[in-house]
Protein backbone atom coordinates (compact mmCIF):
# COMPACT_ATOMS: atom_id res chain seq x y z
CA MET A 1 64.96 -73.11 25.29
CA PRO A 2 62.30 -74.37 28.06
CA LYS A 3 58.70 -73.84 26.94
CA ILE A 4 56.60 -71.21 28.99
CA LYS A 5 52.94 -72.32 29.80
CA ALA A 6 50.37 -69.88 28.49
CA LEU A 7 53.06 -67.81 26.92
CA ARG A 8 50.44 -65.69 24.95
CA TRP A 9 49.21 -63.96 28.28
CA TRP A 10 52.84 -63.10 29.22
CA MET A 11 53.25 -61.51 25.87
CA ILE A 12 50.13 -59.49 26.30
CA GLY A 13 51.37 -58.46 29.61
CA LEU A 14 54.53 -57.10 27.97
CA ILE A 15 52.50 -55.17 25.67
CA MET A 16 50.22 -54.02 28.49
CA LEU A 17 53.46 -52.83 30.43
CA GLY A 18 54.39 -50.77 27.14
CA SER A 19 50.94 -49.21 27.09
CA VAL A 20 51.34 -48.24 30.88
CA ILE A 21 54.57 -46.42 29.94
CA ASN A 22 52.74 -44.79 26.93
CA TYR A 23 49.93 -43.37 28.92
CA LEU A 24 52.03 -42.50 31.88
CA THR A 25 54.26 -40.20 29.57
CA ARG A 26 51.29 -38.63 27.80
CA SER A 27 49.53 -37.80 31.09
CA THR A 28 52.45 -36.26 32.69
CA LEU A 29 51.59 -32.83 31.14
CA ALA A 30 48.07 -32.93 32.57
CA VAL A 31 49.22 -33.56 36.18
CA ALA A 32 51.96 -31.03 35.86
CA ALA A 33 49.64 -28.45 34.17
CA PRO A 34 48.42 -26.39 37.38
CA THR A 35 52.07 -25.85 38.26
CA LEU A 36 53.52 -25.70 34.71
CA LEU A 37 50.87 -23.09 33.39
CA GLN A 38 51.37 -20.87 36.36
CA GLU A 39 55.05 -20.98 36.07
CA LEU A 40 55.38 -20.29 32.26
CA HIS A 41 52.11 -17.89 32.28
CA ILE A 42 50.14 -20.19 29.94
CA SER A 43 46.53 -19.53 29.66
CA ALA A 44 43.77 -22.32 29.47
CA LYS A 45 43.37 -21.52 25.72
CA GLU A 46 47.07 -21.87 25.05
CA TYR A 47 46.85 -25.16 26.85
CA SER A 48 44.19 -26.49 24.62
CA TRP A 49 46.40 -25.86 21.69
CA MET A 50 49.08 -27.77 23.18
CA VAL A 51 46.83 -30.55 23.81
CA GLY A 52 45.51 -29.98 20.41
CA ALA A 53 48.98 -30.40 18.93
CA PHE A 54 49.27 -33.71 20.47
CA GLN A 55 45.92 -34.89 19.37
CA GLY A 56 46.46 -33.69 15.74
CA ALA A 57 49.71 -35.53 15.64
CA ILE A 58 48.42 -38.73 17.11
CA MET A 59 46.01 -38.98 14.19
CA ALA A 60 48.86 -40.19 12.09
CA GLN A 61 47.99 -43.64 13.60
CA PRO A 62 47.46 -45.09 10.22
CA LEU A 63 51.07 -44.21 9.21
CA CYS A 64 52.30 -45.79 12.40
CA GLY A 65 49.95 -48.99 11.85
CA TYR A 66 51.32 -49.20 8.27
CA VAL A 67 54.98 -49.14 9.63
CA LEU A 68 54.14 -51.87 12.13
CA ASP A 69 52.57 -53.82 9.40
CA VAL A 70 55.68 -53.54 7.07
CA LEU A 71 58.54 -53.56 9.58
CA GLY A 72 57.02 -56.01 12.03
CA LEU A 73 55.84 -55.48 15.52
CA LYS A 74 59.07 -55.99 17.43
CA MET A 75 61.38 -53.54 15.68
CA GLY A 76 58.59 -51.08 14.59
CA PHE A 77 57.32 -50.68 18.11
CA ALA A 78 60.84 -50.36 19.58
CA ILE A 79 61.64 -47.49 17.35
CA PHE A 80 58.41 -45.60 18.15
CA ALA A 81 58.78 -46.25 21.98
CA VAL A 82 62.67 -44.85 21.89
CA THR A 83 61.23 -41.83 20.13
CA TRP A 84 58.33 -41.13 22.58
CA SER A 85 60.70 -41.59 25.68
CA LEU A 86 63.41 -39.07 24.26
CA VAL A 87 60.66 -36.47 23.26
CA ASN A 88 59.04 -36.64 26.63
CA MET A 89 62.14 -35.99 28.31
CA ALA A 90 62.93 -33.08 26.03
CA HIS A 91 59.70 -31.49 27.56
CA SER A 92 61.84 -30.60 30.44
CA LEU A 93 63.82 -28.13 28.22
CA ALA A 94 60.88 -26.10 27.14
CA GLY A 95 60.25 -22.48 28.15
CA SER A 96 57.05 -21.48 26.40
CA TRP A 97 53.86 -22.82 25.29
CA GLN A 98 54.95 -22.81 21.68
CA ALA A 99 57.80 -24.98 22.37
CA LEU A 100 55.54 -27.41 24.37
CA ALA A 101 53.13 -27.52 21.49
CA TRP A 102 55.78 -28.71 19.04
CA LEU A 103 57.16 -31.36 21.50
CA ARG A 104 53.45 -32.60 22.14
CA GLY A 105 53.11 -32.95 18.38
CA ALA A 106 56.20 -35.08 18.29
CA LEU A 107 55.10 -37.01 21.22
CA GLY A 108 51.61 -37.61 19.82
CA PHE A 109 52.99 -39.02 16.55
CA ALA A 110 55.33 -41.45 18.37
CA GLU A 111 52.66 -42.58 20.79
CA GLY A 112 50.02 -43.20 18.05
CA SER A 113 51.73 -46.62 17.54
CA ALA A 114 50.49 -47.99 20.94
CA ASN A 115 46.95 -48.86 19.79
CA PRO A 116 47.84 -50.40 16.49
CA ALA A 117 50.70 -52.43 18.28
CA GLY A 118 48.44 -53.80 20.95
CA MET A 119 45.86 -55.01 18.23
CA LYS A 120 48.41 -56.51 16.01
CA ALA A 121 49.78 -58.49 19.00
CA THR A 122 46.30 -59.46 20.01
CA SER A 123 45.42 -60.71 16.52
CA GLU A 124 48.75 -62.60 16.23
CA TRP A 125 48.74 -64.36 19.51
CA PHE A 126 45.13 -65.12 20.55
CA PRO A 127 42.31 -67.15 19.12
CA ALA A 128 39.14 -65.30 18.37
CA LYS A 129 37.24 -66.17 21.35
CA GLU A 130 40.00 -64.84 23.68
CA ARG A 131 40.71 -61.49 21.80
CA GLY A 132 38.29 -59.49 23.76
CA LEU A 133 39.76 -60.34 27.12
CA ALA A 134 43.27 -60.05 25.68
CA GLY A 135 42.20 -56.63 24.35
CA GLY A 136 40.90 -55.59 27.67
CA ILE A 137 44.17 -56.80 29.58
CA TYR A 138 46.28 -54.76 26.99
CA ASN A 139 43.99 -51.73 27.54
CA ILE A 140 44.41 -51.82 31.21
CA GLY A 141 47.77 -50.28 30.57
CA ALA A 142 45.93 -46.99 29.50
CA SER A 143 44.22 -46.64 32.68
CA VAL A 144 47.04 -47.90 34.76
CA GLY A 145 49.42 -45.46 33.12
CA SER A 146 46.91 -42.56 33.59
CA MET A 147 46.35 -43.85 37.21
CA LEU A 148 50.06 -43.70 38.11
CA ALA A 149 50.44 -40.27 36.74
CA PRO A 150 48.99 -38.07 39.25
CA PRO A 151 50.92 -39.51 42.28
CA LEU A 152 54.29 -40.12 40.49
CA VAL A 153 54.18 -36.64 38.68
CA ALA A 154 53.02 -34.91 41.91
CA TRP A 155 55.91 -36.39 43.83
CA ALA A 156 58.44 -35.42 41.33
CA ILE A 157 57.17 -31.84 41.26
CA LEU A 158 57.12 -31.48 45.06
CA ALA A 159 60.47 -33.43 45.41
CA TYR A 160 62.10 -31.62 42.58
CA ASN A 161 60.14 -29.68 39.88
CA TRP A 162 57.77 -30.20 37.02
CA ARG A 163 60.82 -30.60 34.65
CA ALA A 164 62.18 -33.48 36.46
CA ALA A 165 58.79 -35.27 36.15
CA PHE A 166 59.18 -35.48 32.45
CA VAL A 167 62.68 -36.78 32.65
CA ILE A 168 61.54 -39.42 35.09
CA THR A 169 58.63 -40.74 33.16
CA GLY A 170 60.67 -40.66 29.81
CA ALA A 171 63.56 -42.63 31.33
CA LEU A 172 61.01 -45.40 32.28
CA GLY A 173 60.11 -45.72 28.59
CA LEU A 174 63.66 -46.64 27.69
CA VAL A 175 63.86 -49.32 30.45
CA TRP A 176 60.75 -50.89 28.86
CA VAL A 177 62.37 -50.77 25.32
CA ALA A 178 65.11 -52.91 26.56
CA LEU A 179 62.78 -55.46 28.10
CA TRP A 180 60.76 -55.56 24.82
CA LEU A 181 63.74 -56.24 22.70
CA PHE A 182 64.99 -58.86 24.93
CA LEU A 183 61.79 -60.82 25.49
CA TYR A 184 59.41 -60.38 22.48
CA GLN A 185 59.23 -62.58 19.43
CA PRO A 186 56.30 -63.17 17.19
CA PRO A 187 54.51 -66.56 17.80
CA ASP A 188 56.00 -68.09 14.51
CA ARG A 189 59.69 -67.67 15.89
CA HIS A 190 59.39 -67.48 19.66
CA PRO A 191 61.53 -70.33 21.10
CA ALA A 192 59.31 -70.64 24.54
CA LEU A 193 56.22 -71.12 22.59
CA SER A 194 54.97 -74.70 22.78
CA SER A 195 53.64 -76.66 19.80
CA GLU A 196 50.42 -77.29 21.75
CA GLU A 197 49.84 -73.61 22.41
CA LYS A 198 50.98 -72.67 18.95
CA ALA A 199 48.47 -75.14 17.70
CA TYR A 200 45.70 -73.97 19.91
CA ILE A 201 46.26 -70.35 18.67
CA ALA A 202 46.10 -71.31 15.08
CA ALA A 203 42.87 -73.53 15.48
CA GLY A 204 41.05 -70.38 16.90
CA GLN A 205 42.00 -68.06 14.07
CA GLU A 206 39.39 -67.19 11.47
CA LYS A 207 40.61 -68.53 8.15
CA HIS A 208 39.20 -65.86 6.14
CA LEU A 209 41.17 -63.28 8.15
CA GLN A 210 44.57 -64.77 7.60
CA SER A 211 47.20 -62.64 5.94
CA ASP A 212 47.08 -62.88 2.15
CA GLY A 213 50.88 -61.78 2.02
CA SER A 214 50.08 -58.26 0.53
CA ARG A 215 50.80 -54.97 2.06
CA PRO A 216 47.70 -53.38 3.51
CA SER A 217 45.86 -50.82 1.26
CA LEU A 218 44.49 -47.76 2.87
CA GLY A 219 41.93 -47.40 0.04
CA LYS A 220 40.60 -50.97 0.34
CA ILE A 221 40.10 -50.22 4.14
CA LEU A 222 38.41 -47.12 3.57
CA VAL A 223 35.49 -48.46 1.16
CA GLN A 224 34.44 -51.13 3.87
CA ARG A 225 31.44 -50.22 5.82
CA ASN A 226 32.84 -52.25 8.78
CA PHE A 227 35.78 -49.65 8.97
CA TRP A 228 33.29 -46.96 9.36
CA GLY A 229 31.26 -49.06 11.85
CA ILE A 230 34.09 -49.00 14.21
CA ALA A 231 35.81 -45.61 13.31
CA LEU A 232 32.66 -43.44 13.83
CA PRO A 233 31.87 -44.85 17.27
CA ARG A 234 35.44 -44.04 18.26
CA PHE A 235 35.10 -40.56 16.99
CA LEU A 236 32.11 -40.19 19.21
CA ALA A 237 33.44 -42.10 22.34
CA ASP A 238 37.09 -41.06 22.57
CA PRO A 239 36.47 -37.44 23.84
CA THR A 240 35.71 -39.05 27.33
CA TRP A 241 39.29 -40.47 27.68
CA GLY A 242 40.74 -37.19 26.49
CA THR A 243 38.65 -35.14 29.11
CA LEU A 244 39.71 -37.43 31.92
CA SER A 245 43.41 -37.53 30.78
CA PHE A 246 44.03 -33.77 29.99
CA TRP A 247 41.27 -31.72 31.79
CA LEU A 248 40.47 -33.60 34.98
CA PRO A 249 43.21 -32.13 36.84
CA LEU A 250 42.53 -28.64 35.74
CA TYR A 251 38.93 -29.25 36.55
CA LEU A 252 39.61 -30.39 40.00
CA SER A 253 41.68 -27.48 40.53
CA THR A 254 39.74 -24.50 39.21
CA VAL A 255 36.23 -25.91 39.68
CA ARG A 256 36.56 -28.37 42.81
CA HIS A 257 39.37 -25.99 44.21
CA MET A 258 41.73 -29.04 44.97
CA ASP A 259 45.46 -28.30 45.46
CA LEU A 260 48.09 -30.59 44.07
CA LYS A 261 48.35 -33.05 47.10
CA HIS A 262 44.36 -33.49 46.76
CA ILE A 263 44.63 -34.05 42.91
CA ALA A 264 47.33 -36.46 43.61
CA MET A 265 44.86 -38.20 46.19
CA PHE A 266 41.72 -38.43 43.91
CA ALA A 267 42.65 -37.86 40.18
CA TRP A 268 43.79 -41.41 39.74
CA LEU A 269 40.41 -42.98 40.74
CA PRO A 270 38.60 -42.67 37.54
CA PHE A 271 41.47 -44.52 35.92
CA LEU A 272 41.37 -47.30 38.52
CA ALA A 273 37.70 -47.72 37.66
CA ALA A 274 38.87 -47.87 34.01
CA ASP A 275 41.02 -50.80 34.84
CA PHE A 276 37.93 -52.83 35.88
CA GLY A 277 36.12 -51.54 32.75
CA CYS A 278 38.77 -52.96 30.51
CA VAL A 279 38.32 -56.39 31.81
CA PHE A 280 34.55 -56.12 32.16
CA GLY A 281 33.88 -55.46 28.52
CA GLY A 282 35.75 -58.40 27.29
CA LEU A 283 34.13 -60.76 29.92
CA VAL A 284 30.75 -59.48 29.10
CA ALA A 285 31.22 -60.35 25.45
CA MET A 286 32.62 -63.86 26.33
CA ARG A 287 29.72 -64.53 28.59
CA LEU A 288 27.16 -63.49 26.22
CA GLN A 289 28.46 -65.78 23.56
CA LYS A 290 28.61 -68.69 25.94
CA MET A 291 25.34 -68.22 27.93
CA ALA A 292 23.10 -66.44 25.38
CA GLY A 293 24.64 -67.82 22.29
CA LEU A 294 25.38 -64.58 20.58
CA SER A 295 27.79 -64.24 17.82
CA LEU A 296 31.03 -62.55 18.37
CA ILE A 297 30.29 -59.29 16.74
CA ASN A 298 26.92 -59.34 18.47
CA ALA A 299 28.15 -59.92 21.75
CA ARG A 300 30.66 -57.13 21.31
CA ARG A 301 27.92 -54.63 20.18
CA CYS A 302 25.82 -55.60 23.35
CA ALA A 303 28.97 -54.88 25.56
CA PHE A 304 29.49 -51.63 23.91
CA THR A 305 25.75 -50.58 24.47
CA LEU A 306 25.87 -51.40 28.10
CA GLY A 307 28.85 -49.17 28.47
CA ALA A 308 27.14 -46.42 26.63
CA VAL A 309 24.24 -46.78 29.01
CA LEU A 310 26.36 -46.44 31.94
CA MET A 311 28.12 -43.36 30.54
CA LEU A 312 24.95 -41.37 30.90
CA GLY A 313 26.04 -40.99 34.62
CA VAL A 314 28.76 -38.56 33.70
CA GLY A 315 26.20 -35.91 32.78
CA PHE A 316 25.32 -35.23 36.41
CA VAL A 317 28.82 -34.36 37.29
CA GLY A 318 28.27 -30.63 37.13
CA PHE A 319 25.06 -30.79 39.15
CA VAL A 320 26.40 -32.46 42.46
CA GLU A 321 27.72 -30.12 45.02
CA SER A 322 30.17 -32.58 46.67
CA PRO A 323 33.47 -32.97 45.10
CA TYR A 324 33.55 -36.61 46.22
CA ALA A 325 30.33 -37.24 44.43
CA ALA A 326 31.83 -35.60 41.43
CA ILE A 327 34.88 -38.04 41.59
CA ALA A 328 32.55 -41.08 41.94
CA LEU A 329 30.58 -40.05 38.74
CA LEU A 330 33.75 -39.47 36.97
CA SER A 331 35.00 -42.90 37.97
CA LEU A 332 31.87 -44.35 36.58
CA ALA A 333 32.60 -42.60 33.40
CA GLY A 334 36.13 -44.23 33.42
CA PHE A 335 34.66 -47.64 33.94
CA ALA A 336 31.94 -47.22 31.39
CA HIS A 337 34.16 -45.66 28.84
CA GLN A 338 36.70 -48.60 28.99
CA THR A 339 33.95 -51.02 28.76
CA LEU A 340 32.85 -49.80 25.42
CA SER A 341 36.13 -48.49 24.23
CA VAL A 342 38.04 -51.79 24.54
CA THR A 343 35.15 -53.50 22.91
CA VAL A 344 35.09 -51.45 19.63
CA ILE A 345 38.97 -51.31 19.53
CA THR A 346 39.14 -55.15 19.59
CA MET A 347 36.73 -55.31 16.67
CA ALA A 348 39.44 -54.48 14.41
CA SER A 349 41.13 -57.76 14.90
CA ASP A 350 37.58 -59.35 14.32
CA LEU A 351 36.97 -57.80 10.96
CA PHE A 352 40.30 -57.20 9.14
CA ARG A 353 43.01 -59.62 8.01
CA LYS A 354 46.23 -60.11 9.98
CA ASN A 355 48.11 -57.94 7.66
CA GLU A 356 45.53 -55.31 7.76
CA VAL A 357 44.79 -55.06 11.48
CA ALA A 358 47.45 -52.47 12.55
CA THR A 359 46.59 -50.25 9.67
CA ALA A 360 42.74 -50.59 10.33
CA ALA A 361 43.09 -50.15 13.94
CA GLY A 362 45.51 -46.96 13.40
CA MET A 363 43.01 -45.61 10.94
CA ALA A 364 40.04 -45.86 13.32
CA GLY A 365 42.25 -44.47 16.07
CA THR A 366 42.63 -41.33 13.88
CA PHE A 367 38.96 -40.85 14.04
CA GLY A 368 38.84 -41.34 17.65
CA ASN A 369 41.64 -38.81 18.18
CA ALA A 370 39.96 -36.43 15.76
CA GLY A 371 36.77 -36.55 18.07
CA LEU A 372 39.06 -35.94 21.05
CA LEU A 373 40.84 -33.09 19.37
CA ILE A 374 37.69 -31.19 18.47
CA PHE A 375 36.23 -31.54 21.93
CA SER A 376 39.30 -30.60 23.62
CA LEU A 377 39.71 -27.35 21.64
CA MET A 378 35.90 -26.59 22.30
CA ILE A 379 36.59 -26.97 25.86
CA GLY A 380 39.58 -24.62 25.67
CA GLY A 381 37.56 -22.15 23.97
CA LEU A 382 34.31 -22.31 25.77
CA VAL A 383 34.94 -23.37 29.30
CA ALA A 384 35.71 -19.82 30.49
CA THR A 385 32.11 -18.90 29.47
CA VAL A 386 29.99 -21.92 29.74
CA GLY A 387 31.86 -24.18 32.33
CA TYR A 388 32.29 -27.80 32.17
CA THR A 389 28.77 -29.00 32.81
CA PRO A 390 27.55 -28.92 29.08
CA PHE A 391 30.63 -30.99 27.95
CA PHE A 392 29.98 -33.69 30.57
CA ILE A 393 26.41 -34.00 29.42
CA CYS A 394 27.52 -34.22 25.87
CA LEU A 395 29.87 -37.15 26.69
CA GLY A 396 27.06 -39.46 27.75
CA LEU A 397 24.79 -38.74 24.68
CA LEU A 398 27.76 -39.11 22.25
CA ASP A 399 28.27 -42.75 23.29
CA LEU A 400 24.44 -43.58 22.73
CA LEU A 401 25.02 -42.30 19.20
CA GLY A 402 27.96 -44.31 18.72
CA ALA A 403 26.24 -47.45 19.89
CA ALA A 404 23.52 -46.82 17.18
CA VAL A 405 26.12 -46.47 14.54
CA LEU A 406 27.78 -49.81 15.64
CA TRP A 407 24.61 -51.86 15.38
CA THR A 408 23.81 -50.14 12.09
CA LEU A 409 27.01 -50.40 10.12
CA VAL A 410 29.11 -53.47 11.24
CA ARG A 411 28.56 -56.76 9.39
CA GLU A 412 30.10 -60.08 10.33
CA ARG A 413 32.68 -61.54 8.02
CA ARG A 414 32.25 -65.29 7.90
CA ALA A 415 33.89 -66.11 4.76
CA GLU A 416 35.24 -64.62 1.54
CA GLY A 417 31.80 -64.48 -0.02
CA LEU A 418 30.73 -62.09 2.69
CA ASP A 419 33.68 -59.86 2.59
CA ASP A 420 32.09 -56.44 3.03
CA ALA A 421 34.56 -54.78 0.75
CA LYS A 422 32.50 -56.48 -1.94
CA GLY A 423 29.18 -56.07 -0.35
CA ALA A 424 29.12 -52.69 1.36
CA SER A 425 25.70 -51.78 -0.08
């Protein structure tokens, strides 16, 4: 088979495309919410329980990561993608908020595989110095999928109905699975990978993070301070993404009084900004290593901190009168959040062995989604009385706290003797 130059970047592009579909399907409900809630007579509090069902189920990411580590990335991710595509299509059959809550739970479980899969692919296909940028490119899928949802779902609703929107976005997932099964192979078996690129990837891998051949141990990962150093910042940071993904259309509808066409015009802009944040976080870390001589971990911590400072802008959303100014500040939040989020997500591949990366990333994702779940339920329960403004203020402050945790807990692993499972004190 002919060799493909820079194949690793094509592979991360294929993973990114899967992430686009993943976030497009999970965002379909949010865009359809103003129409769906009215047609099915669902309240904001009941909607928060539907969102909560998704977030509760997606916290099973450690199980998804374990399956990916054991079955392998190709087959494991294909199984999860087929599942989430079919479950998303089944949303079209629901007639009550209870049915939708059950379906959201099933969708959340299957879609929890995306982040561990992306981190596993990044750790296998890229040398350490390129993993931040590769992780940023993969995570562009999250914002592109969320960005495509408003115009695509609004079009489906206006042209057909809200039920058709779920069928269309789910069917796209099945198309991607076919591409995945046809094109993906791990680097040690891919026939289009040149010997030069294979050697380049291997030379840039940390020897002390290579797989030891054992199955990942949840208990061993949980006792490491480095795990808590990335899990707690995700717990504090991920509510931002949940707010943009699940509550932004309702906020624009109820507070800024936008109709479905205006939501389709503006609700995607924070996710476009998030695309740039995905790449920006990785580039900042790379430049700090090259220009300032910082270590990999310190460069990532600086990138996270920069994103946290920029996140302070979201606190002013509730104080501006212009809806366009509010959209601009929410776009800044999307950019800042992905700058820091991509950074901390990528650190799973910097701190854990190859056979642990998907499991560790999944466990950290559980904490991120737990934070999102708690925050979303609070919005659903309190927004009618206190409004959205206190929640926007909290988002910026939580990320600064996350930066402090990242600097305090994470330690670099340079060799076996520095394995923080042994030196966690």
